[in-house]
PDB file of all heavy atoms in Angstrom:
ATOM      1  N   ARG A   1     -16.033 -55.600 -31.392  1.00  0.00           N
ATOM      2  CA  ARG A   1     -16.992 -56.204 -30.467  1.00  0.00           C
ATOM      3  C   ARG A   1     -18.308 -55.443 -30.326  1.00  0.00           C
ATOM      4  O   ARG A   1     -19.131 -55.803 -29.500  1.00  0.00           O
ATOM      5  CB  ARG A   1     -16.351 -56.353 -29.075  1.00  0.00           C
ATOM      6  CG  ARG A   1     -15.073 -57.171 -29.085  1.00  0.00           C
ATOM      7  CD  ARG A   1     -15.273 -58.584 -29.580  1.00  0.00           C
ATOM      8  NE  ARG A   1     -13.978 -59.219 -29.855  1.00  0.00           N
ATOM      9  CZ  ARG A   1     -13.677 -59.837 -30.973  1.00  0.00           C
ATOM     10  NH1 ARG A   1     -14.570 -59.913 -31.950  1.00  0.00           N
ATOM     11  NH2 ARG A   1     -12.483 -60.373 -31.155  1.00  0.00           N
ATOM     12  N   TYR A   2     -18.525 -54.407 -31.123  1.00  0.00           N
ATOM     13  CA  TYR A   2     -19.763 -53.641 -30.981  1.00  0.00           C
ATOM     14  C   TYR A   2     -20.177 -53.069 -32.338  1.00  0.00           C
ATOM     15  O   TYR A   2     -19.336 -52.789 -33.200  1.00  0.00           O
ATOM     16  CB  TYR A   2     -19.576 -52.504 -29.971  1.00  0.00           C
ATOM     17  CG  TYR A   2     -18.376 -51.617 -30.236  1.00  0.00           C
ATOM     18  CD1 TYR A   2     -18.464 -50.516 -31.082  1.00  0.00           C
ATOM     19  CD2 TYR A   2     -17.141 -51.889 -29.646  1.00  0.00           C
ATOM     20  CE1 TYR A   2     -17.358 -49.710 -31.340  1.00  0.00           C
ATOM     21  CE2 TYR A   2     -16.026 -51.095 -29.891  1.00  0.00           C
ATOM     22  CZ  TYR A   2     -16.159 -50.011 -30.741  1.00  0.00           C
ATOM     23  OH  TYR A   2     -15.054 -49.226 -31.000  1.00  0.00           O
ATOM     24  N   PRO A   3     -21.493 -52.892 -32.538  1.00  0.00           N
ATOM     25  CA  PRO A   3     -21.983 -52.269 -33.778  1.00  0.00           C
ATOM     26  C   PRO A   3     -21.606 -50.790 -33.831  1.00  0.00           C
ATOM     27  O   PRO A   3     -21.265 -50.170 -32.809  1.00  0.00           O
ATOM     28  CB  PRO A   3     -23.505 -52.436 -33.687  1.00  0.00           C
ATOM     29  CG  PRO A   3     -23.739 -53.430 -32.603  1.00  0.00           C
ATOM     30  CD  PRO A   3     -22.577 -53.323 -31.661  1.00  0.00           C
ATOM     31  N   ASP A   4     -21.706 -50.202 -35.018  1.00  0.00           N
ATOM     32  CA  ASP A   4     -21.297 -48.811 -35.221  1.00  0.00           C
ATOM     33  C   ASP A   4     -22.039 -47.833 -34.314  1.00  0.00           C
ATOM     34  O   ASP A   4     -21.478 -46.822 -33.887  1.00  0.00           O
ATOM     35  CB  ASP A   4     -21.521 -48.394 -36.685  1.00  0.00           C
ATOM     36  CG  ASP A   4     -20.566 -49.101 -37.634  1.00  0.00           C
ATOM     37  OD1 ASP A   4     -19.526 -49.604 -37.149  1.00  0.00           O
ATOM     38  OD2 ASP A   4     -20.860 -49.161 -38.834  1.00  0.00           O
ATOM     39  N   GLU A   5     -23.294 -48.126 -34.016  1.00  0.00           N
ATOM     40  CA  GLU A   5     -24.076 -47.180 -33.200  1.00  0.00           C
ATOM     41  C   GLU A   5     -23.582 -47.079 -31.761  1.00  0.00           C
ATOM     42  O   GLU A   5     -24.004 -46.193 -31.008  1.00  0.00           O
ATOM     43  CB  GLU A   5     -25.566 -47.544 -33.218  1.00  0.00           C
ATOM     44  CG  GLU A   5     -25.913 -48.925 -32.709  1.00  0.00           C
ATOM     45  CD  GLU A   5     -26.003 -49.963 -33.829  1.00  0.00           C
ATOM     46  OE1 GLU A   5     -25.260 -49.844 -34.815  1.00  0.00           O
ATOM     47  OE2 GLU A   5     -26.820 -50.892 -33.672  1.00  0.00           O
ATOM     48  N   PHE A   6     -22.669 -47.974 -31.364  1.00  0.00           N
ATOM     49  CA  PHE A   6     -22.104 -47.908 -30.013  1.00  0.00           C
ATOM     50  C   PHE A   6     -20.715 -47.266 -30.001  1.00  0.00           C
ATOM     51  O   PHE A   6     -20.015 -47.321 -28.993  1.00  0.00           O
ATOM     52  CB  PHE A   6     -22.059 -49.298 -29.384  1.00  0.00           C
ATOM     53  CG  PHE A   6     -23.408 -49.788 -28.952  1.00  0.00           C
ATOM     54  CD1 PHE A   6     -24.247 -50.435 -29.849  1.00  0.00           C
ATOM     55  CD2 PHE A   6     -23.872 -49.565 -27.664  1.00  0.00           C
ATOM     56  CE1 PHE A   6     -25.501 -50.874 -29.481  1.00  0.00           C
ATOM     57  CE2 PHE A   6     -25.123 -49.987 -27.271  1.00  0.00           C
ATOM     58  CZ  PHE A   6     -25.944 -50.648 -28.181  1.00  0.00           C
ATOM     59  N   ASN A   7     -20.348 -46.621 -31.085  1.00  0.00           N
ATOM     60  CA  ASN A   7     -19.064 -45.919 -31.152  1.00  0.00           C
ATOM     61  C   ASN A   7     -19.197 -44.529 -30.522  1.00  0.00           C
ATOM     62  O   ASN A   7     -18.888 -43.508 -31.132  1.00  0.00           O
ATOM     63  CB  ASN A   7     -18.605 -45.809 -32.615  1.00  0.00           C
ATOM     64  CG  ASN A   7     -17.176 -45.313 -32.731  1.00  0.00           C
ATOM     65  OD1 ASN A   7     -16.408 -45.352 -31.761  1.00  0.00           O
ATOM     66  ND2 ASN A   7     -16.805 -44.835 -33.903  1.00  0.00           N
ATOM     67  N   LYS A   8     -19.642 -44.510 -29.286  1.00  0.00           N
ATOM     68  CA  LYS A   8     -19.899 -43.260 -28.578  1.00  0.00           C
ATOM     69  C   LYS A   8     -18.613 -42.512 -28.253  1.00  0.00           C
ATOM     70  O   LYS A   8     -18.559 -41.279 -28.294  1.00  0.00           O
ATOM     71  CB  LYS A   8     -20.669 -43.548 -27.282  1.00  0.00           C
ATOM     72  CG  LYS A   8     -20.880 -42.318 -26.406  1.00  0.00           C
ATOM     73  CD  LYS A   8     -21.593 -42.668 -25.122  1.00  0.00           C
ATOM     74  CE  LYS A   8     -21.711 -41.442 -24.209  1.00  0.00           C
ATOM     75  NZ  LYS A   8     -22.384 -41.767 -22.928  1.00  0.00           N
ATOM     76  N   PHE A   9     -17.566 -43.256 -27.907  1.00  0.00           N
ATOM     77  CA  PHE A   9     -16.321 -42.623 -27.479  1.00  0.00           C
ATOM     78  C   PHE A   9     -15.356 -42.391 -28.650  1.00  0.00           C
ATOM     79  O   PHE A   9     -14.168 -42.158 -28.449  1.00  0.00           O
ATOM     80  CB  PHE A   9     -15.663 -43.467 -26.382  1.00  0.00           C
ATOM     81  CG  PHE A   9     -16.522 -43.583 -25.150  1.00  0.00           C
ATOM     82  CD1 PHE A   9     -17.251 -44.736 -24.912  1.00  0.00           C
ATOM     83  CD2 PHE A   9     -16.633 -42.528 -24.260  1.00  0.00           C
ATOM     84  CE1 PHE A   9     -18.057 -44.842 -23.790  1.00  0.00           C
ATOM     85  CE2 PHE A   9     -17.443 -42.624 -23.136  1.00  0.00           C
ATOM     86  CZ  PHE A   9     -18.155 -43.784 -22.903  1.00  0.00           C
ATOM     87  N   LYS A  10     -15.919 -42.481 -29.860  1.00  0.00           N
ATOM     88  CA  LYS A  10     -15.220 -42.092 -31.085  1.00  0.00           C
ATOM     89  C   LYS A  10     -13.868 -42.772 -31.268  1.00  0.00           C
ATOM     90  O   LYS A  10     -12.818 -42.124 -31.319  1.00  0.00           O
ATOM     91  CB  LYS A  10     -15.061 -40.564 -31.150  1.00  0.00           C
ATOM     92  CG  LYS A  10     -16.377 -39.807 -31.085  1.00  0.00           C
ATOM     93  CD  LYS A  10     -17.354 -40.280 -32.160  1.00  0.00           C
ATOM     94  CE  LYS A  10     -18.713 -39.597 -32.020  1.00  0.00           C
ATOM     95  NZ  LYS A  10     -19.730 -40.188 -32.904  1.00  0.00           N
ATOM     96  N   SER A  11     -13.927 -44.082 -31.364  1.00  0.00           N
ATOM     97  CA  SER A  11     -12.730 -44.841 -31.682  1.00  0.00           C
ATOM     98  C   SER A  11     -12.288 -44.533 -33.105  1.00  0.00           C
ATOM     99  O   SER A  11     -13.110 -44.327 -33.998  1.00  0.00           O
ATOM    100  CB  SER A  11     -13.017 -46.337 -31.546  1.00  0.00           C
ATOM    101  OG  SER A  11     -12.024 -47.089 -32.161  1.00  0.00           O
ATOM    102  N   VAL A  12     -10.976 -44.510 -33.325  1.00  0.00           N
ATOM    103  CA  VAL A  12     -10.445 -44.278 -34.667  1.00  0.00           C
ATOM    104  C   VAL A  12      -9.756 -45.543 -35.173  1.00  0.00           C
ATOM    105  O   VAL A  12      -8.785 -45.492 -35.891  1.00  0.00           O
ATOM    106  CB  VAL A  12      -9.456 -43.084 -34.703  1.00  0.00           C
ATOM    107  CG1 VAL A  12     -10.192 -41.782 -34.510  1.00  0.00           C
ATOM    108  CG2 VAL A  12      -8.366 -43.253 -33.650  1.00  0.00           C
ATOM    109  N   ALA A  13     -10.268 -46.692 -34.766  1.00  0.00           N
ATOM    110  CA  ALA A  13      -9.673 -47.967 -35.183  1.00  0.00           C
ATOM    111  C   ALA A  13      -9.650 -48.058 -36.699  1.00  0.00           C
ATOM    112  O   ALA A  13     -10.607 -47.709 -37.375  1.00  0.00           O
ATOM    113  CB  ALA A  13     -10.470 -49.125 -34.608  1.00  0.00           C
ATOM    114  N   GLY A  14      -8.551 -48.514 -37.232  1.00  0.00           N
ATOM    115  CA  GLY A  14      -8.411 -48.655 -38.665  1.00  0.00           C
ATOM    116  C   GLY A  14      -7.709 -47.483 -39.312  1.00  0.00           C
ATOM    117  O   GLY A  14      -7.169 -47.587 -40.401  1.00  0.00           O
ATOM    118  N   ALA A  15      -7.702 -46.330 -38.646  1.00  0.00           N
ATOM    119  CA  ALA A  15      -7.020 -45.159 -39.186  1.00  0.00           C
ATOM    120  C   ALA A  15      -5.530 -45.255 -38.888  1.00  0.00           C
ATOM    121  O   ALA A  15      -5.096 -45.987 -37.999  1.00  0.00           O
ATOM    122  CB  ALA A  15      -7.598 -43.887 -38.569  1.00  0.00           C
ATOM    123  N   LYS A  16      -4.750 -44.521 -39.647  1.00  0.00           N
ATOM    124  CA  LYS A  16      -3.306 -44.515 -39.417  1.00  0.00           C
ATOM    125  C   LYS A  16      -3.006 -43.605 -38.228  1.00  0.00           C
ATOM    126  O   LYS A  16      -3.226 -42.405 -38.277  1.00  0.00           O
ATOM    127  CB  LYS A  16      -2.567 -44.024 -40.664  1.00  0.00           C
ATOM    128  CG  LYS A  16      -1.054 -44.163 -40.554  1.00  0.00           C
ATOM    129  CD  LYS A  16      -0.374 -43.777 -41.849  1.00  0.00           C
ATOM    130  CE  LYS A  16       1.144 -43.953 -41.726  1.00  0.00           C
ATOM    131  NZ  LYS A  16       1.836 -43.587 -42.985  1.00  0.00           N
ATOM    132  N   ILE A  17      -2.533 -44.198 -37.161  1.00  0.00           N
ATOM    133  CA  ILE A  17      -2.279 -43.448 -35.926  1.00  0.00           C
ATOM    134  C   ILE A  17      -0.779 -43.264 -35.768  1.00  0.00           C
ATOM    135  O   ILE A  17      -0.028 -44.238 -35.742  1.00  0.00           O
ATOM    136  CB  ILE A  17      -2.865 -44.195 -34.713  1.00  0.00           C
ATOM    137  CG1 ILE A  17      -4.364 -44.423 -34.926  1.00  0.00           C
ATOM    138  CG2 ILE A  17      -2.624 -43.425 -33.423  1.00  0.00           C
ATOM    139  CD1 ILE A  17      -4.967 -45.390 -33.948  1.00  0.00           C
ATOM    140  N   VAL A  18      -0.372 -42.015 -35.657  1.00  0.00           N
ATOM    141  CA  VAL A  18       1.052 -41.711 -35.587  1.00  0.00           C
ATOM    142  C   VAL A  18       1.486 -41.406 -34.161  1.00  0.00           C
ATOM    143  O   VAL A  18       2.459 -41.957 -33.653  1.00  0.00           O
ATOM    144  CB  VAL A  18       1.403 -40.519 -36.510  1.00  0.00           C
ATOM    145  CG1 VAL A  18       2.894 -40.204 -36.415  1.00  0.00           C
ATOM    146  CG2 VAL A  18       1.003 -40.822 -37.944  1.00  0.00           C
ATOM    147  N   GLU A  19       0.742 -40.544 -33.511  1.00  0.00           N
ATOM    148  CA  GLU A  19       1.137 -40.083 -32.182  1.00  0.00           C
ATOM    149  C   GLU A  19       0.827 -41.137 -31.126  1.00  0.00           C
ATOM    150  O   GLU A  19      -0.185 -41.830 -31.188  1.00  0.00           O
ATOM    151  CB  GLU A  19       0.402 -38.782 -31.830  1.00  0.00           C
ATOM    152  CG  GLU A  19       0.708 -37.624 -32.768  1.00  0.00           C
ATOM    153  CD  GLU A  19       2.153 -37.174 -32.671  1.00  0.00           C
ATOM    154  OE1 GLU A  19       2.741 -37.332 -31.593  1.00  0.00           O
ATOM    155  OE2 GLU A  19       2.675 -36.684 -33.682  1.00  0.00           O
ATOM    156  N   LYS A  20       1.720 -41.217 -30.130  1.00  0.00           N
ATOM    157  CA  LYS A  20       1.556 -42.170 -29.034  1.00  0.00           C
ATOM    158  C   LYS A  20       0.220 -41.950 -28.317  1.00  0.00           C
ATOM    159  O   LYS A  20      -0.517 -42.908 -28.041  1.00  0.00           O
ATOM    160  CB  LYS A  20       2.713 -42.016 -28.062  1.00  0.00           C
ATOM    161  CG  LYS A  20       2.550 -42.738 -26.734  1.00  0.00           C
ATOM    162  CD  LYS A  20       3.765 -42.515 -25.870  1.00  0.00           C
ATOM    163  CE  LYS A  20       3.527 -42.990 -24.440  1.00  0.00           C
ATOM    164  NZ  LYS A  20       2.593 -42.131 -23.712  1.00  0.00           N
ATOM    165  N   ASN A  21      -0.117 -40.710 -28.013  1.00  0.00           N
ATOM    166  CA  ASN A  21      -1.349 -40.448 -27.270  1.00  0.00           C
ATOM    167  C   ASN A  21      -2.587 -40.778 -28.105  1.00  0.00           C
ATOM    168  O   ASN A  21      -3.628 -41.155 -27.579  1.00  0.00           O
ATOM    169  CB  ASN A  21      -1.401 -39.004 -26.784  1.00  0.00           C
ATOM    170  CG  ASN A  21      -1.427 -38.002 -27.932  1.00  0.00           C
ATOM    171  OD1 ASN A  21      -0.936 -38.305 -29.014  1.00  0.00           O
ATOM    172  ND2 ASN A  21      -1.999 -36.839 -27.701  1.00  0.00           N
ATOM    173  N   GLN A  22      -2.473 -40.663 -29.453  1.00  0.00           N
ATOM    174  CA  GLN A  22      -3.587 -41.049 -30.310  1.00  0.00           C
ATOM    175  C   GLN A  22      -3.837 -42.547 -30.220  1.00  0.00           C
ATOM    176  O   GLN A  22      -4.983 -43.003 -30.182  1.00  0.00           O
ATOM    177  CB  GLN A  22      -3.290 -40.675 -31.765  1.00  0.00           C
ATOM    178  CG  GLN A  22      -3.437 -39.203 -32.082  1.00  0.00           C
ATOM    179  CD  GLN A  22      -3.196 -38.942 -33.555  1.00  0.00           C
ATOM    180  OE1 GLN A  22      -2.160 -39.314 -34.089  1.00  0.00           O
ATOM    181  NE2 GLN A  22      -4.159 -38.335 -34.209  1.00  0.00           N
ATOM    182  N   LYS A  23      -2.762 -43.322 -30.211  1.00  0.00           N
ATOM    183  CA  LYS A  23      -2.885 -44.773 -30.122  1.00  0.00           C
ATOM    184  C   LYS A  23      -3.514 -45.180 -28.796  1.00  0.00           C
ATOM    185  O   LYS A  23      -4.405 -46.026 -28.747  1.00  0.00           O
ATOM    186  CB  LYS A  23      -1.513 -45.424 -30.277  1.00  0.00           C
ATOM    187  CG  LYS A  23      -1.560 -46.942 -30.370  1.00  0.00           C
ATOM    188  CD  LYS A  23      -0.201 -47.505 -30.737  1.00  0.00           C
ATOM    189  CE  LYS A  23      -0.289 -49.004 -30.975  1.00  0.00           C
ATOM    190  NZ  LYS A  23       1.009 -49.585 -31.364  1.00  0.00           N
ATOM    191  N   GLU A  24      -3.052 -44.598 -27.709  1.00  0.00           N
ATOM    192  CA  GLU A  24      -3.612 -44.880 -26.385  1.00  0.00           C
ATOM    193  C   GLU A  24      -5.106 -44.569 -26.356  1.00  0.00           C
ATOM    194  O   GLU A  24      -5.911 -45.357 -25.865  1.00  0.00           O
ATOM    195  CB  GLU A  24      -2.890 -44.053 -25.324  1.00  0.00           C
ATOM    196  CG  GLU A  24      -1.466 -44.489 -25.038  1.00  0.00           C
ATOM    197  CD  GLU A  24      -0.792 -43.593 -24.019  1.00  0.00           C
ATOM    198  OE1 GLU A  24      -1.393 -42.571 -23.642  1.00  0.00           O
ATOM    199  OE2 GLU A  24       0.334 -43.908 -23.605  1.00  0.00           O
ATOM    200  N   GLU A  25      -5.462 -43.404 -26.896  1.00  0.00           N
ATOM    201  CA  GLU A  25      -6.861 -42.986 -26.871  1.00  0.00           C
ATOM    202  C   GLU A  25      -7.731 -43.896 -27.724  1.00  0.00           C
ATOM    203  O   GLU A  25      -8.864 -44.216 -27.358  1.00  0.00           O
ATOM    204  CB  GLU A  25      -6.975 -41.534 -27.366  1.00  0.00           C
ATOM    205  CG  GLU A  25      -8.381 -40.971 -27.210  1.00  0.00           C
ATOM    206  CD  GLU A  25      -8.466 -39.512 -27.604  1.00  0.00           C
ATOM    207  OE1 GLU A  25      -7.466 -38.958 -28.090  1.00  0.00           O
ATOM    208  OE2 GLU A  25      -9.552 -38.932 -27.425  1.00  0.00           O
ATOM    209  N   ALA A  26      -7.203 -44.324 -28.874  1.00  0.00           N
ATOM    210  CA  ALA A  26      -7.962 -45.207 -29.761  1.00  0.00           C
ATOM    211  C   ALA A  26      -8.288 -46.520 -29.070  1.00  0.00           C
ATOM    212  O   ALA A  26      -9.422 -46.998 -29.121  1.00  0.00           O
ATOM    213  CB  ALA A  26      -7.181 -45.459 -31.045  1.00  0.00           C
ATOM    214  N   VAL A  27      -7.292 -47.128 -28.411  1.00  0.00           N
ATOM    215  CA  VAL A  27      -7.507 -48.393 -27.718  1.00  0.00           C
ATOM    216  C   VAL A  27      -8.467 -48.205 -26.549  1.00  0.00           C
ATOM    217  O   VAL A  27      -9.400 -48.993 -26.352  1.00  0.00           O
ATOM    218  CB  VAL A  27      -6.170 -48.988 -27.225  1.00  0.00           C
ATOM    219  CG1 VAL A  27      -6.412 -50.252 -26.422  1.00  0.00           C
ATOM    220  CG2 VAL A  27      -5.250 -49.288 -28.407  1.00  0.00           C
ATOM    221  N   SER A  28      -8.263 -47.153 -25.780  1.00  0.00           N
ATOM    222  CA  SER A  28      -9.108 -46.886 -24.618  1.00  0.00           C
ATOM    223  C   SER A  28     -10.555 -46.631 -25.035  1.00  0.00           C
ATOM    224  O   SER A  28     -11.493 -47.159 -24.426  1.00  0.00           O
ATOM    225  CB  SER A  28      -8.564 -45.685 -23.841  1.00  0.00           C
ATOM    226  OG  SER A  28      -9.353 -45.422 -22.707  1.00  0.00           O
ATOM    227  N   ASN A  29     -10.759 -45.839 -26.078  1.00  0.00           N
ATOM    228  CA  ASN A  29     -12.117 -45.540 -26.533  1.00  0.00           C
ATOM    229  C   ASN A  29     -12.813 -46.788 -27.071  1.00  0.00           C
ATOM    230  O   ASN A  29     -14.005 -47.002 -26.817  1.00  0.00           O
ATOM    231  CB  ASN A  29     -12.083 -44.455 -27.615  1.00  0.00           C
ATOM    232  CG  ASN A  29     -11.827 -43.077 -27.034  1.00  0.00           C
ATOM    233  OD1 ASN A  29     -11.938 -42.872 -25.830  1.00  0.00           O
ATOM    234  ND2 ASN A  29     -11.484 -42.136 -27.885  1.00  0.00           N
ATOM    235  N   SER A  30     -12.086 -47.602 -27.821  1.00  0.00           N
ATOM    236  CA  SER A  30     -12.673 -48.846 -28.330  1.00  0.00           C
ATOM    237  C   SER A  30     -13.104 -49.739 -27.173  1.00  0.00           C
ATOM    238  O   SER A  30     -14.170 -50.362 -27.213  1.00  0.00           O
ATOM    239  CB  SER A  30     -11.667 -49.594 -29.209  1.00  0.00           C
ATOM    240  OG  SER A  30     -11.393 -48.880 -30.380  1.00  0.00           O
ATOM    241  N   TYR A  31     -12.270 -49.809 -26.140  1.00  0.00           N
ATOM    242  CA  TYR A  31     -12.602 -50.644 -24.988  1.00  0.00           C
ATOM    243  C   TYR A  31     -13.861 -50.116 -24.291  1.00  0.00           C
ATOM    244  O   TYR A  31     -14.775 -50.891 -23.970  1.00  0.00           O
ATOM    245  CB  TYR A  31     -11.443 -50.676 -24.000  1.00  0.00           C
ATOM    246  CG  TYR A  31     -11.674 -51.655 -22.870  1.00  0.00           C
ATOM    247  CD1 TYR A  31     -11.402 -53.010 -23.038  1.00  0.00           C
ATOM    248  CD2 TYR A  31     -12.202 -51.240 -21.650  1.00  0.00           C
ATOM    249  CE1 TYR A  31     -11.641 -53.919 -22.022  1.00  0.00           C
ATOM    250  CE2 TYR A  31     -12.438 -52.144 -20.631  1.00  0.00           C
ATOM    251  CZ  TYR A  31     -12.165 -53.478 -20.817  1.00  0.00           C
ATOM    252  OH  TYR A  31     -12.416 -54.382 -19.815  1.00  0.00           O
ATOM    253  N   ASN A  32     -13.929 -48.806 -24.074  1.00  0.00           N
ATOM    254  CA  ASN A  32     -15.107 -48.215 -23.434  1.00  0.00           C
ATOM    255  C   ASN A  32     -16.367 -48.473 -24.251  1.00  0.00           C
ATOM    256  O   ASN A  32     -17.447 -48.720 -23.701  1.00  0.00           O
ATOM    257  CB  ASN A  32     -14.903 -46.718 -23.219  1.00  0.00           C
ATOM    258  CG  ASN A  32     -14.014 -46.421 -22.022  1.00  0.00           C
ATOM    259  OD1 ASN A  32     -14.113 -47.077 -20.990  1.00  0.00           O
ATOM    260  ND2 ASN A  32     -13.126 -45.457 -22.157  1.00  0.00           N
ATOM    261  N   ASN A  33     -16.251 -48.433 -25.572  1.00  0.00           N
ATOM    262  CA  ASN A  33     -17.399 -48.740 -26.425  1.00  0.00           C
ATOM    263  C   ASN A  33     -17.846 -50.188 -26.255  1.00  0.00           C
ATOM    264  O   ASN A  33     -19.044 -50.484 -26.256  1.00  0.00           O
ATOM    265  CB  ASN A  33     -17.046 -48.486 -27.899  1.00  0.00           C
ATOM    266  CG  ASN A  33     -16.929 -47.014 -28.227  1.00  0.00           C
ATOM    267  OD1 ASN A  33     -17.549 -46.164 -27.585  1.00  0.00           O
ATOM    268  ND2 ASN A  33     -16.123 -46.694 -29.228  1.00  0.00           N
ATOM    269  N   SER A  34     -16.883 -51.096 -26.105  1.00  0.00           N
ATOM    270  CA  SER A  34     -17.238 -52.507 -25.922  1.00  0.00           C
ATOM    271  C   SER A  34     -17.956 -52.726 -24.594  1.00  0.00           C
ATOM    272  O   SER A  34     -18.881 -53.541 -24.509  1.00  0.00           O
ATOM    273  CB  SER A  34     -15.992 -53.401 -26.028  1.00  0.00           C
ATOM    274  OG  SER A  34     -15.150 -53.253 -24.897  1.00  0.00           O
ATOM    275  N   ILE A  35     -17.547 -52.000 -23.568  1.00  0.00           N
ATOM    276  CA  ILE A  35     -18.238 -52.081 -22.273  1.00  0.00           C
ATOM    277  C   ILE A  35     -19.641 -51.488 -22.381  1.00  0.00           C
ATOM    278  O   ILE A  35     -20.606 -52.015 -21.818  1.00  0.00           O
ATOM    279  CB  ILE A  35     -17.430 -51.354 -21.173  1.00  0.00           C
ATOM    280  CG1 ILE A  35     -16.083 -52.046 -20.945  1.00  0.00           C
ATOM    281  CG2 ILE A  35     -18.224 -51.299 -19.866  1.00  0.00           C
ATOM    282  CD1 ILE A  35     -16.165 -53.434 -20.365  1.00  0.00           C
ATOM    283  N   LEU A  36     -19.757 -50.398 -23.126  1.00  0.00           N
ATOM    284  CA  LEU A  36     -21.066 -49.778 -23.355  1.00  0.00           C
ATOM    285  C   LEU A  36     -22.022 -50.764 -24.032  1.00  0.00           C
ATOM    286  O   LEU A  36     -23.199 -50.866 -23.665  1.00  0.00           O
ATOM    287  CB  LEU A  36     -20.890 -48.531 -24.229  1.00  0.00           C
ATOM    288  CG  LEU A  36     -22.129 -47.693 -24.509  1.00  0.00           C
ATOM    289  CD1 LEU A  36     -22.596 -46.984 -23.239  1.00  0.00           C
ATOM    290  CD2 LEU A  36     -21.832 -46.662 -25.604  1.00  0.00           C
TER     291      LEU A  36
END
């Protein structure tokens, strides 16, 4: 939902996420970027 220049909170969408906390952070950061 946002261009690359709005990836301020460093989403790792598309990467292979193994750890539970990594997955949570990826979703949360992507959401914050969309609000930004």
